[in-house]
Protein backbone atom coordinates (compact mmCIF):
# COMPACT_ATOMS: atom_id res chain seq x y z
CA UNK A 1 89.06 95.81 86.00
CA UNK A 2 89.76 94.26 89.35
CA UNK A 3 87.71 94.74 92.43
CA UNK A 4 89.26 94.21 96.02
CA UNK A 5 87.01 93.84 99.03
CA UNK A 6 89.17 94.12 102.45
CA UNK A 7 88.15 92.97 106.13
CA UNK A 8 89.56 93.17 109.28
CA UNK A 9 91.25 95.87 111.25
CA UNK A 10 90.10 98.02 114.16
CA UNK A 11 91.48 98.62 117.40
CA UNK A 12 94.11 96.23 118.84
CA UNK A 13 96.28 96.20 122.03
CA UNK A 14 100.07 96.48 122.03
CA UNK A 15 101.37 93.02 121.89
CA UNK A 16 98.34 91.67 120.24
CA UNK A 17 97.60 90.22 116.67
CA UNK A 18 95.84 91.48 113.66
CA UNK A 19 94.30 89.69 110.53
CA UNK A 20 93.53 91.29 107.43
CA UNK A 21 91.76 89.47 104.45
CA UNK A 22 91.40 90.79 100.95
CA UNK A 23 89.38 89.16 98.05
CA UNK A 24 89.86 90.06 94.31
CA UNK A 25 87.21 89.71 91.58
CA UNK A 26 86.74 90.83 88.19
CA UNK A 27 89.68 90.27 85.67
CA UNK A 28 91.79 88.23 88.07
CA UNK A 29 93.25 86.29 85.25
CA UNK A 30 95.57 89.56 84.76
CA UNK A 31 96.70 89.65 88.45
CA UNK A 32 100.46 88.80 88.73
CA UNK A 33 100.77 89.51 92.61
CA UNK A 34 98.44 90.42 95.65
CA UNK A 35 99.93 92.36 98.63
CA UNK A 36 99.10 94.74 101.78
CA UNK A 37 100.58 97.97 102.13
CA UNK A 38 100.21 100.67 105.06
CA UNK A 39 100.42 104.34 105.05
CA UNK A 40 100.54 106.93 107.93
CA UNK A 41 99.74 110.53 107.21
CA UNK A 42 102.72 112.38 105.70
CA UNK A 43 104.49 109.32 104.84
CA UNK A 44 104.69 107.06 101.88
CA UNK A 45 102.88 104.02 101.60
CA UNK A 46 104.92 101.11 102.46
CA UNK A 47 105.08 97.45 101.63
CA UNK A 48 103.90 95.01 104.58
CA UNK A 49 103.57 91.57 102.53
CA UNK A 50 103.16 90.79 99.01
CA UNK A 51 102.59 87.24 97.24
CA UNK A 52 103.31 86.75 93.53
CA UNK A 53 101.34 84.18 91.41
CA UNK A 54 104.52 82.35 91.02
CA UNK A 55 104.62 81.88 94.60
CA UNK A 56 107.31 84.33 95.87
CA UNK A 57 106.64 86.16 99.04
CA UNK A 58 108.28 89.29 100.01
CA UNK A 59 107.94 91.28 103.58
CA UNK A 60 108.43 94.70 104.57
CA UNK A 61 111.29 95.31 106.77
CA UNK A 62 109.21 96.93 109.35
CA UNK A 63 107.21 93.64 109.93
CA UNK A 64 109.53 91.00 109.09
CA UNK A 65 109.78 88.15 111.63
CA UNK A 66 106.25 89.39 113.06
CA UNK A 67 104.32 88.82 109.89
CA UNK A 68 102.77 85.72 108.19
CA UNK A 69 100.82 85.93 104.75
CA UNK A 70 98.85 83.26 102.83
CA UNK A 71 97.39 83.24 99.23
CA UNK A 72 96.46 80.27 97.43
CA UNK A 73 97.57 81.69 94.27
CA UNK A 74 98.42 85.26 94.50
CA UNK A 75 95.48 86.01 92.28
CA UNK A 76 92.11 86.15 93.98
CA UNK A 77 92.99 86.51 97.73
CA UNK A 78 95.42 87.11 100.33
CA UNK A 79 95.31 87.00 104.03
CA UNK A 80 97.65 88.70 106.41
CA UNK A 81 98.31 88.41 110.13
CA UNK A 82 100.75 90.50 112.10
CA UNK A 83 101.72 89.50 115.53
CA UNK A 84 103.41 91.51 118.51
CA UNK A 85 101.74 94.76 117.45
CA UNK A 86 103.21 98.10 118.23
CA UNK A 87 101.79 101.58 118.18
CA UNK A 88 103.95 102.39 115.22
CA UNK A 89 101.84 99.63 113.29
CA UNK A 90 99.09 102.07 113.58
CA UNK A 91 98.29 102.83 109.85
CA UNK A 92 95.72 102.51 107.19
CA UNK A 93 96.11 99.16 105.60
CA UNK A 94 95.47 98.73 101.77
CA UNK A 95 95.34 95.74 99.55
CA UNK A 96 96.94 95.78 96.18
CA UNK A 97 96.55 93.70 93.17
CA UNK A 98 99.35 94.10 90.41
CA UNK A 99 98.08 93.35 86.95
CA UNK A 100 100.11 92.93 83.85
CA UNK A 101 99.03 93.91 80.12
CA UNK A 102 99.66 96.81 80.74
CA UNK A 103 101.15 97.19 84.38
CA UNK A 104 98.56 98.62 86.75
CA UNK A 105 98.05 98.69 90.46
CA UNK A 106 94.53 98.20 92.12
CA UNK A 107 93.86 99.21 95.60
CA UNK A 108 91.27 98.66 98.22
CA UNK A 109 89.55 101.28 100.09
CA UNK A 110 91.88 100.90 103.02
CA UNK A 111 91.18 99.67 106.51
CA UNK A 112 92.33 101.57 109.56
CA UNK A 113 94.52 99.61 112.09
CA UNK A 114 95.14 101.34 115.43
CA UNK A 115 97.35 99.84 118.27
CA UNK A 116 96.68 101.44 121.51
CA UNK A 117 95.85 100.24 125.24
């Protein structure tokens, strides 16, 4: 079992920045990647950014060029920053941990981000 605790989010003005943090605990030795996803009602959950334990970083197309992500090892914590926010960045953001043996995805409870003036 892996537990994920998210922090950050809230109301942000257009053009501003947001920072989200996620900490993992439990069986983190089985984590092979951590990431952030987001979802709006009626749409599929989409990738924002992902860091593997091998150090590979992947960004979603909608935030590429506006996003930075850091994780010391892709296993126990991940920090996300998104800059130049737009109203379409409004969503519930979820922290994710991928584990192996067998493969499984753990999710945080989600944090609302609203971009509005």
